[in-house]
């Protein structure tokens, strides 16, 4: 967190999560239990997502690139499942290999960008 903008973004997002969590708890008496539990479940999932994304971003370039690769593979897997593309093994293999190769290219040359 060497850059001041990193601190500002982290504080802003964490503050947003705290405020939204407090808002959900404050509305507990005005909304039904089902809606409250659904909202709280979504809020909790956002807390996990923020942690999972912030950790590699704050850790540096390499962890961020690897996190993007993992996220890309998981997103493609979900897309393939939703569209029925998973039945086409060759296409799935080519797309997965493409994601891995793009990540390798980014990792292989990321320090060259600093020159």
PDB file of N, CA and C in Angstrom:
ATOM      1  N   UNK A   1       0.835  -1.179   0.000  1.00  0.00           N
ATOM      2  CA  UNK A   1       0.000   0.000   0.000  1.00  0.00           C
ATOM      3  C   UNK A   1       0.881   1.244   0.000  1.00  0.00           C
ATOM      4  N   UNK A   2       1.852   1.220  -0.882  1.00  0.00           N
ATOM      5  CA  UNK A   2       2.782   2.332  -0.959  1.00  0.00           C
ATOM      6  C   UNK A   2       2.157   3.568  -1.587  1.00  0.00           C
ATOM      7  N   UNK A   3       1.196   3.388  -2.437  1.00  0.00           N
ATOM      8  CA  UNK A   3       0.586   4.515  -3.135  1.00  0.00           C
ATOM      9  C   UNK A   3      -0.599   5.047  -2.328  1.00  0.00           C
ATOM     10  N   UNK A   4      -0.716   6.375  -2.194  1.00  0.00           N
ATOM     11  CA  UNK A   4      -1.824   6.952  -1.418  1.00  0.00           C
ATOM     12  C   UNK A   4      -3.204   6.597  -1.974  1.00  0.00           C
ATOM     13  N   UNK A   5      -3.297   6.404  -3.283  1.00  0.00           N
ATOM     14  CA  UNK A   5      -4.584   6.039  -3.868  1.00  0.00           C
ATOM     15  C   UNK A   5      -5.028   4.656  -3.392  1.00  0.00           C
ATOM     16  N   UNK A   6      -4.066   3.759  -3.189  1.00  0.00           N
ATOM     17  CA  UNK A   6      -4.401   2.423  -2.673  1.00  0.00           C
ATOM     18  C   UNK A   6      -5.064   2.527  -1.309  1.00  0.00           C
ATOM     19  N   UNK A   7      -4.501   3.361  -0.461  1.00  0.00           N
ATOM     20  CA  UNK A   7      -5.077   3.546   0.877  1.00  0.00           C
ATOM     21  C   UNK A   7      -6.476   4.131   0.771  1.00  0.00           C
ATOM     22  N   UNK A   8      -6.653   5.114  -0.084  1.00  0.00           N
ATOM     23  CA  UNK A   8      -7.962   5.750  -0.256  1.00  0.00           C
ATOM     24  C   UNK A   8      -9.002   4.753  -0.749  1.00  0.00           C
ATOM     25  N   UNK A   9      -8.632   3.939  -1.727  1.00  0.00           N
ATOM     26  CA  UNK A   9      -9.573   2.962  -2.271  1.00  0.00           C
ATOM     27  C   UNK A   9      -9.935   1.918  -1.223  1.00  0.00           C
ATOM     28  N   UNK A  10      -8.939   1.405  -0.516  1.00  0.00           N
ATOM     29  CA  UNK A  10      -9.207   0.386   0.508  1.00  0.00           C
ATOM     30  C   UNK A  10     -10.104   0.952   1.600  1.00  0.00           C
ATOM     31  N   UNK A  11      -9.793   2.136   2.079  1.00  0.00           N
ATOM     32  CA  UNK A  11     -10.611   2.755   3.128  1.00  0.00           C
ATOM     33  C   UNK A  11     -12.024   3.009   2.621  1.00  0.00           C
ATOM     34  N   UNK A  12     -12.155   3.485   1.393  1.00  0.00           N
ATOM     35  CA  UNK A  12     -13.480   3.752   0.829  1.00  0.00           C
ATOM     36  C   UNK A  12     -14.322   2.500   0.688  1.00  0.00           C
ATOM     37  N   UNK A  13     -13.732   1.433   0.182  1.00  0.00           N
ATOM     38  CA  UNK A  13     -14.485   0.187   0.001  1.00  0.00           C
ATOM     39  C   UNK A  13     -14.849  -0.425   1.346  1.00  0.00           C
ATOM     40  N   UNK A  14     -13.908  -0.443   2.281  1.00  0.00           N
ATOM     41  CA  UNK A  14     -14.207  -0.987   3.613  1.00  0.00           C
ATOM     42  C   UNK A  14     -15.275  -0.144   4.298  1.00  0.00           C
ATOM     43  N   UNK A  15     -15.198   1.164   4.172  1.00  0.00           N
ATOM     44  CA  UNK A  15     -16.233   2.030   4.752  1.00  0.00           C
ATOM     45  C   UNK A  15     -17.586   1.753   4.110  1.00  0.00           C
ATOM     46  N   UNK A  16     -17.603   1.558   2.799  1.00  0.00           N
ATOM     47  CA  UNK A  16     -18.854   1.221   2.117  1.00  0.00           C
ATOM     48  C   UNK A  16     -19.442  -0.082   2.615  1.00  0.00           C
ATOM     49  N   UNK A  17     -18.590  -1.071   2.850  1.00  0.00           N
ATOM     50  CA  UNK A  17     -19.076  -2.347   3.384  1.00  0.00           C
ATOM     51  C   UNK A  17     -19.618  -2.189   4.801  1.00  0.00           C
ATOM     52  N   UNK A  18     -18.926  -1.410   5.615  1.00  0.00           N
ATOM     53  CA  UNK A  18     -19.389  -1.198   6.995  1.00  0.00           C
ATOM     54  C   UNK A  18     -20.726  -0.463   7.001  1.00  0.00           C
ATOM     55  N   UNK A  19     -20.837   0.582   6.201  1.00  0.00           N
ATOM     56  CA  UNK A  19     -22.086   1.358   6.152  1.00  0.00           C
ATOM     57  C   UNK A  19     -23.229   0.503   5.621  1.00  0.00           C
ATOM     58  N   UNK A  20     -22.980  -0.251   4.559  1.00  0.00           N
ATOM     59  CA  UNK A  20     -24.058  -1.082   4.014  1.00  0.00           C
ATOM     60  C   UNK A  20     -24.453  -2.193   4.979  1.00  0.00           C
ATOM     61  N   UNK A  21     -23.482  -2.762   5.696  1.00  0.00           N
ATOM     62  CA  UNK A  21     -23.807  -3.768   6.708  1.00  0.00           C
ATOM     63  C   UNK A  21     -24.626  -3.183   7.840  1.00  0.00           C
ATOM     64  N   UNK A  22     -24.248  -1.986   8.284  1.00  0.00           N
ATOM     65  CA  UNK A  22     -25.014  -1.318   9.340  1.00  0.00           C
ATOM     66  C   UNK A  22     -26.418  -0.975   8.858  1.00  0.00           C
ATOM     67  N   UNK A  23     -26.545  -0.590   7.598  1.00  0.00           N
ATOM     68  CA  UNK A  23     -27.851  -0.277   7.022  1.00  0.00           C
ATOM     69  C   UNK A  23     -28.744  -1.513   6.999  1.00  0.00           C
ATOM     70  N   UNK A  24     -28.188  -2.649   6.636  1.00  0.00           N
ATOM     71  CA  UNK A  24     -28.960  -3.896   6.621  1.00  0.00           C
ATOM     72  C   UNK A  24     -29.418  -4.255   8.027  1.00  0.00           C
ATOM     73  N   UNK A  25     -28.520  -4.129   8.996  1.00  0.00           N
ATOM     74  CA  UNK A  25     -28.882  -4.437  10.387  1.00  0.00           C
ATOM     75  C   UNK A  25     -29.930  -3.451  10.891  1.00  0.00           C
ATOM     76  N   UNK A  26     -29.805  -2.185  10.513  1.00  0.00           N
ATOM     77  CA  UNK A  26     -30.775  -1.180  10.955  1.00  0.00           C
ATOM     78  C   UNK A  26     -32.164  -1.437  10.380  1.00  0.00           C
ATOM     79  N   UNK A  27     -32.225  -2.017   9.200  1.00  0.00           N
ATOM     80  CA  UNK A  27     -33.518  -2.307   8.571  1.00  0.00           C
ATOM     81  C   UNK A  27     -34.131  -3.632   9.024  1.00  0.00           C
ATOM     82  N   UNK A  28     -33.464  -4.325   9.904  1.00  0.00           N
ATOM     83  CA  UNK A  28     -33.915  -5.660  10.304  1.00  0.00           C
ATOM     84  C   UNK A  28     -35.359  -5.676  10.788  1.00  0.00           C
ATOM     85  N   UNK A  29     -35.755  -4.688  11.535  1.00  0.00           N
ATOM     86  CA  UNK A  29     -37.116  -4.659  12.091  1.00  0.00           C
ATOM     87  C   UNK A  29     -38.166  -4.243  11.063  1.00  0.00           C
ATOM     88  N   UNK A  30     -37.749  -3.581  10.005  1.00  0.00           N
ATOM     89  CA  UNK A  30     -38.704  -3.070   9.014  1.00  0.00           C
ATOM     90  C   UNK A  30     -38.923  -4.021   7.837  1.00  0.00           C
ATOM     91  N   UNK A  31     -38.069  -5.017   7.709  1.00  0.00           N
ATOM     92  CA  UNK A  31     -38.194  -5.950   6.585  1.00  0.00           C
ATOM     93  C   UNK A  31     -38.415  -7.360   7.123  1.00  0.00           C
ATOM     94  N   UNK A  32     -38.896  -8.227   6.256  1.00  0.00           N
ATOM     95  CA  UNK A  32     -39.161  -9.604   6.684  1.00  0.00           C
ATOM     96  C   UNK A  32     -37.842 -10.344   6.927  1.00  0.00           C
ATOM     97  N   UNK A  33     -37.937 -11.431   7.675  1.00  0.00           N
ATOM     98  CA  UNK A  33     -36.737 -12.212   7.976  1.00  0.00           C
ATOM     99  C   UNK A  33     -36.093 -12.783   6.715  1.00  0.00           C
ATOM    100  N   UNK A  34     -36.923 -13.194   5.761  1.00  0.00           N
ATOM    101  CA  UNK A  34     -36.373 -13.754   4.523  1.00  0.00           C
ATOM    102  C   UNK A  34     -35.548 -12.717   3.763  1.00  0.00           C
ATOM    103  N   UNK A  35     -36.080 -11.510   3.659  1.00  0.00           N
ATOM    104  CA  UNK A  35     -35.359 -10.444   2.952  1.00  0.00           C
ATOM    105  C   UNK A  35     -34.097 -10.059   3.720  1.00  0.00           C
ATOM    106  N   UNK A  36     -34.206  -9.996   5.035  1.00  0.00           N
ATOM    107  CA  UNK A  36     -33.040  -9.658   5.856  1.00  0.00           C
ATOM    108  C   UNK A  36     -31.925 -10.685   5.661  1.00  0.00           C
ATOM    109  N   UNK A  37     -32.272 -11.963   5.746  1.00  0.00           N
ATOM    110  CA  UNK A  37     -31.255 -13.008   5.605  1.00  0.00           C
ATOM    111  C   UNK A  37     -30.659 -13.026   4.196  1.00  0.00           C
ATOM    112  N   UNK A  38     -31.485 -12.773   3.186  1.00  0.00           N
ATOM    113  CA  UNK A  38     -30.975 -12.712   1.813  1.00  0.00           C
ATOM    114  C   UNK A  38     -30.018 -11.531   1.645  1.00  0.00           C
ATOM    115  N   UNK A  39     -30.392 -10.374   2.178  1.00  0.00           N
ATOM    116  CA  UNK A  39     -29.529  -9.190   2.078  1.00  0.00           C
ATOM    117  C   UNK A  39     -28.230  -9.403   2.846  1.00  0.00           C
ATOM    118  N   UNK A  40     -28.339  -9.983   4.035  1.00  0.00           N
ATOM    119  CA  UNK A  40     -27.141 -10.219   4.837  1.00  0.00           C
ATOM    120  C   UNK A  40     -26.235 -11.242   4.158  1.00  0.00           C
ATOM    121  N   UNK A  41     -26.801 -12.262   3.540  1.00  0.00           N
ATOM    122  CA  UNK A  41     -26.013 -13.268   2.821  1.00  0.00           C
ATOM    123  C   UNK A  41     -25.269 -12.619   1.651  1.00  0.00           C
ATOM    124  N   UNK A  42     -25.948 -11.742   0.924  1.00  0.00           N
ATOM    125  CA  UNK A  42     -25.289 -11.048  -0.197  1.00  0.00           C
ATOM    126  C   UNK A  42     -24.187 -10.121   0.302  1.00  0.00           C
ATOM    127  N   UNK A  43     -24.458  -9.422   1.402  1.00  0.00           N
ATOM    128  CA  UNK A  43     -23.452  -8.526   1.963  1.00  0.00           C
ATOM    129  C   UNK A  43     -22.221  -9.318   2.395  1.00  0.00           C
ATOM    130  N   UNK A  44     -22.443 -10.461   3.027  1.00  0.00           N
ATOM    131  CA  UNK A  44     -21.329 -11.299   3.473  1.00  0.00           C
ATOM    132  C   UNK A  44     -20.523 -11.810   2.277  1.00  0.00           C
ATOM    133  N   UNK A  45     -21.204 -12.163   1.189  1.00  0.00           N
ATOM    134  CA  UNK A  45     -20.474 -12.625   0.005  1.00  0.00           C
ATOM    135  C   UNK A  45     -19.634 -11.492  -0.593  1.00  0.00           C
ATOM    136  N   UNK A  46     -20.150 -10.255  -0.539  1.00  0.00           N
ATOM    137  CA  UNK A  46     -19.362  -9.118  -1.015  1.00  0.00           C
ATOM    138  C   UNK A  46     -18.134  -8.900  -0.138  1.00  0.00           C
ATOM    139  N   UNK A  47     -18.265  -9.126   1.152  1.00  0.00           N
ATOM    140  CA  UNK A  47     -17.097  -9.013   2.039  1.00  0.00           C
ATOM    141  C   UNK A  47     -16.018 -10.011   1.628  1.00  0.00           C
ATOM    142  N   UNK A  48     -16.415 -11.244   1.348  1.00  0.00           N
ATOM    143  CA  UNK A  48     -15.454 -12.253   0.893  1.00  0.00           C
ATOM    144  C   UNK A  48     -14.840 -11.864  -0.444  1.00  0.00           C
ATOM    145  N   UNK A  49     -15.663 -11.400  -1.378  1.00  0.00           N
ATOM    146  CA  UNK A  49     -15.147 -11.016  -2.694  1.00  0.00           C
ATOM    147  C   UNK A  49     -14.133  -9.876  -2.596  1.00  0.00           C
ATOM    148  N   UNK A  50     -14.438  -8.900  -1.765  1.00  0.00           N
ATOM    149  CA  UNK A  50     -13.511  -7.772  -1.589  1.00  0.00           C
ATOM    150  C   UNK A  50     -12.182  -8.274  -1.045  1.00  0.00           C
ATOM    151  N   UNK A  51     -12.237  -9.152  -0.059  1.00  0.00           N
ATOM    152  CA  UNK A  51     -11.002  -9.705   0.496  1.00  0.00           C
ATOM    153  C   UNK A  51     -10.210 -10.504  -0.521  1.00  0.00           C
ATOM    154  N   UNK A  52     -10.904 -11.326  -1.282  1.00  0.00           N
ATOM    155  CA  UNK A  52     -10.235 -12.173  -2.272  1.00  0.00           C
ATOM    156  C   UNK A  52      -9.612 -11.330  -3.382  1.00  0.00           C
ATOM    157  N   UNK A  53     -10.227 -10.234  -3.746  1.00  0.00           N
ATOM    158  CA  UNK A  53      -9.679  -9.383  -4.808  1.00  0.00           C
ATOM    159  C   UNK A  53      -8.604  -8.432  -4.270  1.00  0.00           C
ATOM    160  N   UNK A  54      -8.839  -7.855  -3.100  1.00  0.00           N
ATOM    161  CA  UNK A  54      -7.880  -6.887  -2.562  1.00  0.00           C
ATOM    162  C   UNK A  54      -6.537  -7.516  -2.202  1.00  0.00           C
ATOM    163  N   UNK A  55      -6.544  -8.718  -1.669  1.00  0.00           N
ATOM    164  CA  UNK A  55      -5.282  -9.322  -1.233  1.00  0.00           C
ATOM    165  C   UNK A  55      -4.260  -9.424  -2.362  1.00  0.00           C
ATOM    166  N   UNK A  56      -4.598 -10.018  -3.509  1.00  0.00           N
ATOM    167  CA  UNK A  56      -3.584 -10.062  -4.569  1.00  0.00           C
ATOM    168  C   UNK A  56      -3.245  -8.687  -5.150  1.00  0.00           C
ATOM    169  N   UNK A  57      -4.227  -7.808  -5.236  1.00  0.00           N
ATOM    170  CA  UNK A  57      -3.954  -6.476  -5.787  1.00  0.00           C
ATOM    171  C   UNK A  57      -2.972  -5.722  -4.892  1.00  0.00           C
ATOM    172  N   UNK A  58      -3.166  -5.818  -3.602  1.00  0.00           N
ATOM    173  CA  UNK A  58      -2.269  -5.129  -2.677  1.00  0.00           C
ATOM    174  C   UNK A  58      -0.926  -5.841  -2.541  1.00  0.00           C
ATOM    175  N   UNK A  59      -0.888  -7.133  -2.868  1.00  0.00           N
ATOM    176  CA  UNK A  59       0.360  -7.895  -2.762  1.00  0.00           C
ATOM    177  C   UNK A  59       1.320  -7.602  -3.912  1.00  0.00           C
ATOM    178  N   UNK A  60       0.810  -7.108  -5.022  1.00  0.00           N
ATOM    179  CA  UNK A  60       1.706  -6.765  -6.122  1.00  0.00           C
ATOM    180  C   UNK A  60       1.211  -7.239  -7.471  1.00  0.00           C
ATOM    181  N   UNK A  61       2.068  -7.047  -8.480  1.00  0.00           N
ATOM    182  CA  UNK A  61       1.680  -7.334  -9.862  1.00  0.00           C
ATOM    183  C   UNK A  61       1.523  -8.828 -10.128  1.00  0.00           C
ATOM    184  N   UNK A  62       2.485  -9.630  -9.703  1.00  0.00           N
ATOM    185  CA  UNK A  62       2.419 -11.063  -9.984  1.00  0.00           C
ATOM    186  C   UNK A  62       1.200 -11.723  -9.338  1.00  0.00           C
ATOM    187  N   UNK A  63       0.942 -11.504  -8.055  1.00  0.00           N
ATOM    188  CA  UNK A  63      -0.272 -12.101  -7.480  1.00  0.00           C
ATOM    189  C   UNK A  63      -1.555 -11.619  -8.165  1.00  0.00           C
ATOM    190  N   UNK A  64      -1.564 -10.372  -8.620  1.00  0.00           N
ATOM    191  CA  UNK A  64      -2.740  -9.861  -9.328  1.00  0.00           C
ATOM    192  C   UNK A  64      -2.928 -10.586 -10.655  1.00  0.00           C
ATOM    193  N   UNK A  65      -1.850 -10.786 -11.395  1.00  0.00           N
ATOM    194  CA  UNK A  65      -1.946 -11.502 -12.669  1.00  0.00           C
ATOM    195  C   UNK A  65      -2.429 -12.931 -12.459  1.00  0.00           C
ATOM    196  N   UNK A  66      -1.930 -13.589 -11.430  1.00  0.00           N
ATOM    197  CA  UNK A  66      -2.358 -14.961 -11.154  1.00  0.00           C
ATOM    198  C   UNK A  66      -3.817 -15.004 -10.712  1.00  0.00           C
ATOM    199  N   UNK A  67      -4.242 -14.015  -9.942  1.00  0.00           N
ATOM    200  CA  UNK A  67      -5.644 -13.957  -9.516  1.00  0.00           C
ATOM    201  C   UNK A  67      -6.564 -13.728 -10.711  1.00  0.00           C
ATOM    202  N   UNK A  68      -6.140 -12.886 -11.648  1.00  0.00           N
ATOM    203  CA  UNK A  68      -6.942 -12.652 -12.855  1.00  0.00           C
ATOM    204  C   UNK A  68      -7.024 -13.933 -13.682  1.00  0.00           C
ATOM    205  N   UNK A  69      -5.935 -14.691 -13.736  1.00  0.00           N
ATOM    206  CA  UNK A  69      -5.951 -15.952 -14.468  1.00  0.00           C
ATOM    207  C   UNK A  69      -6.945 -16.932 -13.840  1.00  0.00           C
ATOM    208  N   UNK A  70      -6.880 -17.078 -12.525  1.00  0.00           N
ATOM    209  CA  UNK A  70      -7.802 -17.990 -11.836  1.00  0.00           C
ATOM    210  C   UNK A  70      -9.242 -17.535 -12.040  1.00  0.00           C
ATOM    211  N   UNK A  71      -9.485 -16.242 -11.900  1.00  0.00           N
ATOM    212  CA  UNK A  71     -10.832 -15.715 -12.105  1.00  0.00           C
ATOM    213  C   UNK A  71     -11.300 -15.946 -13.545  1.00  0.00           C
ATOM    214  N   UNK A  72     -10.414 -15.771 -14.509  1.00  0.00           N
ATOM    215  CA  UNK A  72     -10.768 -15.999 -15.913  1.00  0.00           C
ATOM    216  C   UNK A  72     -11.136 -17.455 -16.160  1.00  0.00           C
ATOM    217  N   UNK A  73     -10.360 -18.373 -15.610  1.00  0.00           N
ATOM    218  CA  UNK A  73     -10.660 -19.798 -15.782  1.00  0.00           C
ATOM    219  C   UNK A  73     -11.986 -20.169 -15.130  1.00  0.00           C
ATOM    220  N   UNK A  74     -12.225 -19.639 -13.936  1.00  0.00           N
ATOM    221  CA  UNK A  74     -13.491 -19.932 -13.252  1.00  0.00           C
ATOM    222  C   UNK A  74     -14.683 -19.330 -13.998  1.00  0.00           C
ATOM    223  N   UNK A  75     -14.515 -18.112 -14.502  1.00  0.00           N
ATOM    224  CA  UNK A  75     -15.607 -17.473 -15.252  1.00  0.00           C
ATOM    225  C   UNK A  75     -15.899 -18.227 -16.545  1.00  0.00           C
ATOM    226  N   UNK A  76     -14.849 -18.663 -17.239  1.00  0.00           N
ATOM    227  CA  UNK A  76     -15.083 -19.420 -18.467  1.00  0.00           C
ATOM    228  C   UNK A  76     -15.771 -20.748 -18.160  1.00  0.00           C
ATOM    229  N   UNK A  77     -15.360 -21.395 -17.075  1.00  0.00           N
ATOM    230  CA  UNK A  77     -16.004 -22.657 -16.698  1.00  0.00           C
ATOM    231  C   UNK A  77     -17.492 -22.457 -16.438  1.00  0.00           C
ATOM    232  N   UNK A  78     -17.824 -21.380 -15.744  1.00  0.00           N
ATOM    233  CA  UNK A  78     -19.236 -21.084 -15.467  1.00  0.00           C
ATOM    234  C   UNK A  78     -19.990 -20.761 -16.760  1.00  0.00           C
ATOM    235  N   UNK A  79     -19.365 -19.990 -17.636  1.00  0.00           N
ATOM    236  CA  UNK A  79     -19.980 -19.654 -18.923  1.00  0.00           C
ATOM    237  C   UNK A  79     -20.208 -20.917 -19.751  1.00  0.00           C
ATOM    238  N   UNK A  80     -19.205 -21.789 -19.791  1.00  0.00           N
ATOM    239  CA  UNK A  80     -19.324 -23.027 -20.566  1.00  0.00           C
ATOM    240  C   UNK A  80     -20.444 -23.902 -20.017  1.00  0.00           C
ATOM    241  N   UNK A  81     -20.578 -23.929 -18.715  1.00  0.00           N
ATOM    242  CA  UNK A  81     -21.651 -24.712 -18.103  1.00  0.00           C
ATOM    243  C   UNK A  81     -23.015 -24.124 -18.424  1.00  0.00           C
ATOM    244  N   UNK A  82     -23.121 -22.811 -18.366  1.00  0.00           N
ATOM    245  CA  UNK A  82     -24.416 -22.153 -18.586  1.00  0.00           C
ATOM    246  C   UNK A  82     -24.875 -22.249 -20.041  1.00  0.00           C
ATOM    247  N   UNK A  83     -23.936 -22.277 -20.965  1.00  0.00           N
ATOM    248  CA  UNK A  83     -24.300 -22.281 -22.382  1.00  0.00           C
ATOM    249  C   UNK A  83     -24.251 -23.661 -23.026  1.00  0.00           C
ATOM    250  N   UNK A  84     -23.768 -24.651 -22.296  1.00  0.00           N
ATOM    251  CA  UNK A  84     -23.634 -25.987 -22.867  1.00  0.00           C
ATOM    252  C   UNK A  84     -22.346 -26.175 -23.646  1.00  0.00           C
ATOM    253  N   UNK A  85     -21.479 -25.185 -23.609  1.00  0.00           N
ATOM    254  CA  UNK A  85     -20.211 -25.258 -24.332  1.00  0.00           C
ATOM    255  C   UNK A  85     -19.282 -26.323 -23.746  1.00  0.00           C
ATOM    256  N   UNK A  86     -19.528 -26.727 -22.502  1.00  0.00           N
ATOM    257  CA  UNK A  86     -18.669 -27.718 -21.854  1.00  0.00           C
ATOM    258  C   UNK A  86     -18.655 -29.050 -22.616  1.00  0.00           C
ATOM    259  N   UNK A  87     -19.665 -29.277 -23.451  1.00  0.00           N
ATOM    260  CA  UNK A  87     -19.712 -30.513 -24.244  1.00  0.00           C
ATOM    261  C   UNK A  87     -18.661 -30.508 -25.356  1.00  0.00           C
ATOM    262  N   UNK A  88     -18.233 -29.325 -25.746  1.00  0.00           N
ATOM    263  CA  UNK A  88     -17.211 -29.183 -26.797  1.00  0.00           C
ATOM    264  C   UNK A  88     -15.834 -29.141 -26.136  1.00  0.00           C
ATOM    265  N   UNK A  89     -15.252 -30.297 -25.952  1.00  0.00           N
ATOM    266  CA  UNK A  89     -13.986 -30.413 -25.206  1.00  0.00           C
ATOM    267  C   UNK A  89     -12.840 -29.663 -25.885  1.00  0.00           C
ATOM    268  N   UNK A  90     -12.790 -29.699 -27.202  1.00  0.00           N
ATOM    269  CA  UNK A  90     -11.695 -29.041 -27.916  1.00  0.00           C
ATOM    270  C   UNK A  90     -11.747 -27.530 -27.733  1.00  0.00           C
ATOM    271  N   UNK A  91     -12.922 -26.960 -27.867  1.00  0.00           N
ATOM    272  CA  UNK A  91     -13.065 -25.511 -27.701  1.00  0.00           C
ATOM    273  C   UNK A  91     -12.698 -25.107 -26.276  1.00  0.00           C
ATOM    274  N   UNK A  92     -13.174 -25.861 -25.299  1.00  0.00           N
ATOM    275  CA  UNK A  92     -12.859 -25.546 -23.898  1.00  0.00           C
ATOM    276  C   UNK A  92     -11.362 -25.649 -23.639  1.00  0.00           C
ATOM    277  N   UNK A  93     -10.723 -26.652 -24.220  1.00  0.00           N
ATOM    278  CA  UNK A  93      -9.279 -26.805 -24.043  1.00  0.00           C
ATOM    279  C   UNK A  93      -8.522 -25.644 -24.681  1.00  0.00           C
ATOM    280  N   UNK A  94      -8.942 -25.224 -25.863  1.00  0.00           N
ATOM    281  CA  UNK A  94      -8.268 -24.116 -26.555  1.00  0.00           C
ATOM    282  C   UNK A  94      -8.442 -22.810 -25.780  1.00  0.00           C
ATOM    283  N   UNK A  95      -9.644 -22.545 -25.295  1.00  0.00           N
ATOM    284  CA  UNK A  95      -9.882 -21.314 -24.531  1.00  0.00           C
ATOM    285  C   UNK A  95      -9.070 -21.331 -23.238  1.00  0.00           C
ATOM    286  N   UNK A  96      -9.074 -22.459 -22.540  1.00  0.00           N
ATOM    287  CA  UNK A  96      -8.305 -22.564 -21.295  1.00  0.00           C
ATOM    288  C   UNK A  96      -6.813 -22.393 -21.561  1.00  0.00           C
ATOM    289  N   UNK A  97      -6.324 -23.017 -22.613  1.00  0.00           N
ATOM    290  CA  UNK A  97      -4.920 -22.859 -22.982  1.00  0.00           C
ATOM    291  C   UNK A  97      -4.620 -21.405 -23.336  1.00  0.00           C
ATOM    292  N   UNK A  98      -5.538 -20.747 -24.028  1.00  0.00           N
ATOM    293  CA  UNK A  98      -5.362 -19.333 -24.355  1.00  0.00           C
ATOM    294  C   UNK A  98      -5.259 -18.464 -23.110  1.00  0.00           C
ATOM    295  N   UNK A  99      -6.098 -18.734 -22.125  1.00  0.00           N
ATOM    296  CA  UNK A  99      -6.037 -17.976 -20.865  1.00  0.00           C
ATOM    297  C   UNK A  99      -4.686 -18.191 -20.196  1.00  0.00           C
ATOM    298  N   UNK A 100      -4.229 -19.439 -20.170  1.00  0.00           N
ATOM    299  CA  UNK A 100      -2.929 -19.736 -19.557  1.00  0.00           C
ATOM    300  C   UNK A 100      -1.781 -19.072 -20.314  1.00  0.00           C
ATOM    301  N   UNK A 101      -1.838 -19.085 -21.642  1.00  0.00           N
ATOM    302  CA  UNK A 101      -0.771 -18.470 -22.440  1.00  0.00           C
ATOM    303  C   UNK A 101      -0.747 -16.949 -22.306  1.00  0.00           C
ATOM    304  N   UNK A 102      -1.909 -16.331 -22.271  1.00  0.00           N
ATOM    305  CA  UNK A 102      -1.960 -14.875 -22.079  1.00  0.00           C
ATOM    306  C   UNK A 102      -1.389 -14.512 -20.708  1.00  0.00           C
ATOM    307  N   UNK A 103      -1.717 -15.304 -19.705  1.00  0.00           N
ATOM    308  CA  UNK A 103      -1.169 -15.055 -18.367  1.00  0.00           C
ATOM    309  C   UNK A 103       0.340 -15.235 -18.371  1.00  0.00           C
ATOM    310  N   UNK A 104       0.821 -16.299 -19.008  1.00  0.00           N
ATOM    311  CA  UNK A 104       2.266 -16.512 -19.082  1.00  0.00           C
ATOM    312  C   UNK A 104       2.953 -15.346 -19.787  1.00  0.00           C
ATOM    313  N   UNK A 105       2.371 -14.864 -20.877  1.00  0.00           N
ATOM    314  CA  UNK A 105       2.959 -13.734 -21.601  1.00  0.00           C
ATOM    315  C   UNK A 105       2.998 -12.485 -20.726  1.00  0.00           C
ATOM    316  N   UNK A 106       1.945 -12.256 -19.964  1.00  0.00           N
ATOM    317  CA  UNK A 106       1.915 -11.085 -19.078  1.00  0.00           C
ATOM    318  C   UNK A 106       2.949 -11.218 -17.966  1.00  0.00           C
ATOM    319  N   UNK A 107       3.050 -12.404 -17.381  1.00  0.00           N
ATOM    320  CA  UNK A 107       4.013 -12.625 -16.294  1.00  0.00           C
ATOM    321  C   UNK A 107       5.438 -12.559 -16.832  1.00  0.00           C
ATOM    322  N   UNK A 108       5.653 -13.093 -18.022  1.00  0.00           N
ATOM    323  CA  UNK A 108       6.989 -13.136 -18.609  1.00  0.00           C
ATOM    324  C   UNK A 108       7.530 -11.746 -18.912  1.00  0.00           C
ATOM    325  N   UNK A 109       6.662 -10.799 -19.238  1.00  0.00           N
ATOM    326  CA  UNK A 109       7.123  -9.472 -19.656  1.00  0.00           C
ATOM    327  C   UNK A 109       6.698  -8.344 -18.730  1.00  0.00           C
ATOM    328  N   UNK A 110       6.181  -8.636 -17.566  1.00  0.00           N
ATOM    329  CA  UNK A 110       5.649  -7.551 -16.749  1.00  0.00           C
ATOM    330  C   UNK A 110       6.728  -6.617 -16.243  1.00  0.00           C
ATOM    331  N   UNK A 111       7.950  -7.105 -16.037  1.00  0.00           N
ATOM    332  CA  UNK A 111       9.010  -6.204 -15.586  1.00  0.00           C
ATOM    333  C   UNK A 111       9.564  -5.370 -16.735  1.00  0.00           C
ATOM    334  N   UNK A 112       9.392  -5.833 -17.973  1.00  0.00           N
ATOM    335  CA  UNK A 112       9.849  -5.053 -19.126  1.00  0.00           C
ATOM    336  C   UNK A 112       9.083  -3.744 -19.253  1.00  0.00           C
ATOM    337  N   UNK A 113       7.849  -3.716 -18.763  1.00  0.00           N
ATOM    338  CA  UNK A 113       7.035  -2.505 -18.856  1.00  0.00           C
ATOM    339  C   UNK A 113       7.576  -1.387 -17.979  1.00  0.00           C
ATOM    340  N   UNK A 114       8.385  -1.725 -17.016  1.00  0.00           N
ATOM    341  CA  UNK A 114       8.908  -0.710 -16.094  1.00  0.00           C
ATOM    342  C   UNK A 114      10.128   0.003 -16.662  1.00  0.00           C
ATOM    343  N   UNK A 115      10.713  -0.540 -17.705  1.00  0.00           N
ATOM    344  CA  UNK A 115      11.932   0.062 -18.255  1.00  0.00           C
ATOM    345  C   UNK A 115      11.645   1.304 -19.055  1.00  0.00           C
TER     346      UNK A 115
END
